[in-house]
């Protein structure tokens, strides 16, 4: 049997999924979760072969959950995405149940999964390819998960002063703390609100809401001082762009 966990915040969809799972002899329901924190913990602890994952949860997106879990299950998304986005995801060989879904839709998705279990030799490769291609379809980041030991902290991007990369590790700096996050600066630059966040250096993205002053540093570069007194260097190329952006 295929072990599975349902991750769905909407009670009617969760109940419908549970009914369909229990009626399918190929599936063994291990657990359910209504939010991202519980989902991450249950996936890592119970290691299901399959998860039914809502694309948009209250605290994180389904894609964000996939970036931080240590286990790599097959995924059938439940989603209210429009047909355009749905087609883009399907091109990456991931199964979907478009809400409101029927038992026939459910059974077809499970049959596709059975075929993948026989034909797909490398699930990690498939999921990596999906994540790379699907990033552009996900929403602008509003929260970022950060793993510390066995705990998952949910960072509100509005509270992050800047992101700094050092030795290929990216740190999210808040007023009184910092966290290692599982995003590259290129990914952050692509998914953050570009009206609020700006890449001032190849190693730094800053939240413009926390900028206090900008001062010349020589050779066309500048120093940026934040409200918490952090000092950040602006590269020559970024200086030209930020001058135009801030109109100074």
Protein backbone atom coordinates (compact mmCIF):
# COMPACT_ATOMS: atom_id res chain seq x y z
CA UNK A 1 0.00 0.00 0.00
CA UNK A 2 1.01 3.61 -0.61
CA UNK A 3 1.32 5.55 2.65
CA UNK A 4 0.03 9.11 2.52
CA UNK A 5 -0.64 12.30 4.48
CA UNK A 6 -3.32 14.90 3.68
CA UNK A 7 -2.27 18.56 4.01
CA UNK A 8 -5.30 20.77 3.49
CA UNK A 9 -6.60 23.73 5.51
CA UNK A 10 -10.14 23.67 4.08
CA UNK A 11 -12.28 21.24 6.08
CA UNK A 12 -14.61 20.20 3.20
CA UNK A 13 -11.67 19.38 0.89
CA UNK A 14 -9.86 17.58 3.70
CA UNK A 15 -12.94 15.48 4.49
CA UNK A 16 -13.47 14.67 0.81
CA UNK A 17 -9.85 13.58 0.41
CA UNK A 18 -10.01 11.43 3.53
CA UNK A 19 -13.13 9.67 2.24
CA UNK A 20 -11.58 8.99 -1.16
CA UNK A 21 -8.33 7.73 0.40
CA UNK A 22 -10.13 5.37 2.75
CA UNK A 23 -12.14 3.96 -0.16
CA UNK A 24 -9.01 3.22 -2.20
CA UNK A 25 -7.38 -0.13 -1.41
CA UNK A 26 -4.00 1.08 -2.70
CA UNK A 27 -3.71 3.87 -0.10
CA UNK A 28 -2.94 3.91 3.62
CA UNK A 29 -3.75 7.21 5.35
CA UNK A 30 -1.11 7.97 8.00
CA UNK A 31 -2.14 11.44 9.15
CA UNK A 32 -3.63 14.86 8.34
CA UNK A 33 -2.41 18.44 8.77
CA UNK A 34 -4.20 21.78 8.54
CA UNK A 35 -1.17 24.09 8.44
CA UNK A 36 2.43 24.19 7.24
CA UNK A 37 4.13 23.77 10.62
CA UNK A 38 2.24 20.56 11.44
CA UNK A 39 2.70 19.37 7.87
CA UNK A 40 6.49 19.76 7.89
CA UNK A 41 6.79 17.97 11.23
CA UNK A 42 4.52 15.07 10.22
CA UNK A 43 6.18 14.58 6.82
CA UNK A 44 9.66 14.51 8.35
CA UNK A 45 8.66 12.16 11.17
CA UNK A 46 6.35 9.74 9.32
CA UNK A 47 7.98 9.80 5.85
CA UNK A 48 4.91 9.06 3.71
CA UNK A 49 5.32 7.92 0.12
CA UNK A 50 2.66 10.41 -0.99
CA UNK A 51 1.29 13.73 0.22
CA UNK A 52 -1.88 15.48 -0.86
CA UNK A 53 -0.74 19.10 -0.63
CA UNK A 54 -2.80 22.28 -0.85
CA UNK A 55 -0.96 24.81 -3.02
CA UNK A 56 -1.91 27.75 -0.78
CA UNK A 57 -1.99 27.30 3.00
CA UNK A 58 -2.55 30.16 5.47
CA UNK A 59 1.06 30.26 6.70
CA UNK A 60 3.13 29.02 3.72
CA UNK A 61 2.68 27.86 0.15
CA UNK A 62 2.91 24.20 -0.73
CA UNK A 63 6.08 24.96 -2.69
CA UNK A 64 7.69 26.47 0.42
CA UNK A 65 6.92 23.29 2.35
CA UNK A 66 8.66 21.21 -0.31
CA UNK A 67 11.79 23.35 0.04
CA UNK A 68 12.28 22.62 3.74
CA UNK A 69 11.14 19.04 4.31
CA UNK A 70 13.90 16.45 4.68
CA UNK A 71 11.79 13.69 3.12
CA UNK A 72 10.95 13.60 -0.61
CA UNK A 73 7.48 12.12 -1.17
CA UNK A 74 5.39 12.04 -4.31
CA UNK A 75 3.00 15.00 -4.41
CA UNK A 76 -0.57 15.38 -5.60
CA UNK A 77 -1.52 19.03 -5.28
CA UNK A 78 -5.00 20.25 -4.50
CA UNK A 79 -5.41 23.66 -6.06
CA UNK A 80 -7.73 26.39 -7.24
CA UNK A 81 -5.11 27.67 -9.72
CA UNK A 82 -6.37 28.74 -13.13
CA UNK A 83 -5.96 26.50 -16.16
CA UNK A 84 -2.87 28.34 -17.43
CA UNK A 85 -0.91 27.73 -14.26
CA UNK A 86 -2.27 24.21 -14.00
CA UNK A 87 -0.95 23.34 -17.46
CA UNK A 88 2.48 24.72 -16.56
CA UNK A 89 2.66 22.48 -13.49
CA UNK A 90 1.41 19.43 -15.36
CA UNK A 91 4.25 19.80 -17.84
CA UNK A 92 6.54 18.84 -14.98
CA UNK A 93 4.77 15.47 -14.47
CA UNK A 94 3.14 16.44 -11.14
CA UNK A 95 -0.46 15.38 -10.45
CA UNK A 96 -3.19 17.85 -9.52
CA UNK A 97 -6.74 17.83 -8.21
CA UNK A 98 -8.48 21.02 -9.28
CA UNK A 99 -11.05 22.10 -6.68
CA UNK A 100 -13.81 21.06 -6.50
CA UNK A 101 -12.56 17.61 -7.49
CA UNK A 102 -14.58 14.43 -8.01
CA UNK A 103 -13.82 10.84 -7.08
CA UNK A 104 -13.15 10.14 -10.75
CA UNK A 105 -10.50 12.89 -10.80
CA UNK A 106 -9.02 11.45 -7.62
CA UNK A 107 -8.84 7.91 -9.00
CA UNK A 108 -7.19 9.13 -12.22
CA UNK A 109 -4.51 10.91 -10.19
CA UNK A 110 -3.84 7.77 -8.14
CA UNK A 111 -3.57 5.69 -11.30
CA UNK A 112 -0.98 8.15 -12.66
CA UNK A 113 0.91 7.83 -9.40
CA UNK A 114 0.95 4.04 -9.68
CA UNK A 115 2.51 4.38 -13.12
CA UNK A 116 5.16 6.74 -11.75
CA UNK A 117 6.03 4.35 -8.96
CA UNK A 118 6.83 1.78 -11.64
CA UNK A 119 8.50 4.05 -14.20
CA UNK A 120 10.21 6.89 -12.28
CA UNK A 121 13.67 5.80 -11.01
CA UNK A 122 14.71 9.07 -9.44
CA UNK A 123 12.06 11.01 -7.55
CA UNK A 124 14.56 13.57 -6.21
CA UNK A 125 15.53 14.57 -9.75
CA UNK A 126 11.90 14.91 -10.77
CA UNK A 127 11.02 17.06 -7.76
CA UNK A 128 14.10 19.27 -8.24
CA UNK A 129 13.14 19.88 -11.85
CA UNK A 130 9.60 20.71 -10.81
CA UNK A 131 10.71 23.18 -8.15
CA UNK A 132 13.03 24.95 -10.57
CA UNK A 133 10.35 25.31 -13.24
CA UNK A 134 7.46 26.05 -10.89
CA UNK A 135 9.04 28.88 -8.90
CA UNK A 136 7.83 31.50 -11.36
CA UNK A 137 4.23 30.33 -10.90
CA UNK A 138 4.20 30.77 -7.12
CA UNK A 139 3.13 33.92 -5.32
CA UNK A 140 5.38 36.73 -4.15
CA UNK A 141 7.07 35.67 -0.93
CA UNK A 142 5.41 37.00 2.21
CA UNK A 143 6.78 34.42 4.66
CA UNK A 144 10.00 32.41 4.65
CA UNK A 145 10.62 29.19 6.60
CA UNK A 146 13.89 28.88 8.53
CA UNK A 147 14.94 25.62 10.16
CA UNK A 148 16.84 25.74 13.46
CA UNK A 149 17.48 22.28 14.88
CA UNK A 150 14.11 20.52 14.85
CA UNK A 151 12.16 23.81 14.89
CA UNK A 152 10.75 25.66 11.88
CA UNK A 153 10.54 29.44 12.30
CA UNK A 154 8.22 31.38 9.99
CA UNK A 155 9.76 34.74 9.11
CA UNK A 156 7.55 37.61 7.97
CA UNK A 157 9.44 39.26 5.11
CA UNK A 158 8.19 42.68 6.27
CA UNK A 159 10.35 42.25 9.38
CA UNK A 160 13.52 41.24 7.54
CA UNK A 161 16.05 44.09 7.22
CA UNK A 162 18.30 42.43 4.67
CA UNK A 163 19.53 39.14 3.22
CA UNK A 164 23.25 38.42 3.14
CA UNK A 165 25.08 35.62 1.35
CA UNK A 166 28.39 34.31 2.68
CA UNK A 167 30.16 31.15 1.46
CA UNK A 168 27.00 30.14 -0.44
CA UNK A 169 24.88 30.36 2.73
CA UNK A 170 22.08 32.95 2.85
CA UNK A 171 21.18 34.69 6.11
CA UNK A 172 17.98 36.63 6.79
CA UNK A 173 18.77 39.47 9.22
CA UNK A 174 16.06 40.80 11.52
CA UNK A 175 16.39 43.58 14.10
CA UNK A 176 17.70 41.34 16.87
CA UNK A 177 18.43 37.99 15.24
CA UNK A 178 19.34 36.23 12.01
CA UNK A 179 18.45 32.90 10.42
CA UNK A 180 19.88 30.65 7.73
CA UNK A 181 17.31 30.16 4.97
CA UNK A 182 17.01 27.70 2.10
CA UNK A 183 16.86 30.26 -0.71
CA UNK A 184 19.55 31.68 -2.97
CA UNK A 185 19.76 35.44 -3.48
CA UNK A 186 18.74 34.92 -7.11
CA UNK A 187 15.58 33.12 -5.96
CA UNK A 188 14.83 35.87 -3.44
CA UNK A 189 15.40 38.59 -6.01
CA UNK A 190 12.91 36.87 -8.30
CA UNK A 191 10.20 36.24 -5.70
CA UNK A 192 10.36 39.23 -3.34
CA UNK A 193 8.40 42.43 -3.95
CA UNK A 194 10.85 44.47 -6.03
CA UNK A 195 9.27 47.72 -4.88
CA UNK A 196 10.38 46.93 -1.34
CA UNK A 197 13.48 44.75 -1.74
CA UNK A 198 16.51 45.75 -3.78
CA UNK A 199 19.75 43.94 -4.54
CA UNK A 200 22.48 46.43 -3.66
CA UNK A 201 25.38 44.00 -4.09
CA UNK A 202 25.89 40.50 -5.46
CA UNK A 203 25.85 39.32 -1.83
CA UNK A 204 23.12 41.57 -0.39
CA UNK A 205 19.41 42.27 -0.80
CA UNK A 206 18.01 45.06 1.38
CA UNK A 207 14.53 45.96 2.58
CA UNK A 208 14.22 49.61 1.52
CA UNK A 209 11.72 50.28 4.32
CA UNK A 210 14.60 50.06 6.81
CA UNK A 211 17.06 52.39 5.03
CA UNK A 212 18.09 55.48 7.01
CA UNK A 213 20.86 57.10 4.95
CA UNK A 214 23.06 56.52 1.88
CA UNK A 215 26.54 58.08 1.74
CA UNK A 216 29.31 58.17 -0.91
CA UNK A 217 32.09 55.65 -0.31
CA UNK A 218 34.35 56.40 -3.27
CA UNK A 219 34.91 55.09 -6.81
CA UNK A 220 31.20 55.30 -7.58
CA UNK A 221 30.15 53.12 -4.64
CA UNK A 222 28.04 54.02 -1.61
CA UNK A 223 27.43 52.90 1.95
CA UNK A 224 23.89 52.29 3.11
CA UNK A 225 22.99 52.67 6.79
CA UNK A 226 19.86 50.99 8.11
CA UNK A 227 17.66 52.04 11.01
CA UNK A 228 19.30 49.42 13.25
CA UNK A 229 22.73 50.97 12.38
CA UNK A 230 23.72 48.11 10.07
CA UNK A 231 26.23 49.22 7.41
CA UNK A 232 25.96 47.76 3.91
CA UNK A 233 27.99 48.43 0.78
CA UNK A 234 26.29 49.32 -2.51
CA UNK A 235 28.12 48.17 -5.63
CA UNK A 236 28.83 50.59 -8.49
CA UNK A 237 26.26 49.01 -10.81
CA UNK A 238 23.61 48.83 -8.10
CA UNK A 239 24.30 52.45 -7.15
CA UNK A 240 23.24 53.63 -10.61
CA UNK A 241 20.08 51.55 -10.44
CA UNK A 242 19.11 52.60 -6.94
CA UNK A 243 19.68 56.27 -7.78
CA UNK A 244 17.16 55.91 -10.57
CA UNK A 245 14.78 53.88 -8.41
CA UNK A 246 14.82 56.36 -5.52
CA UNK A 247 15.09 59.38 -7.84
CA UNK A 248 17.98 61.15 -6.11
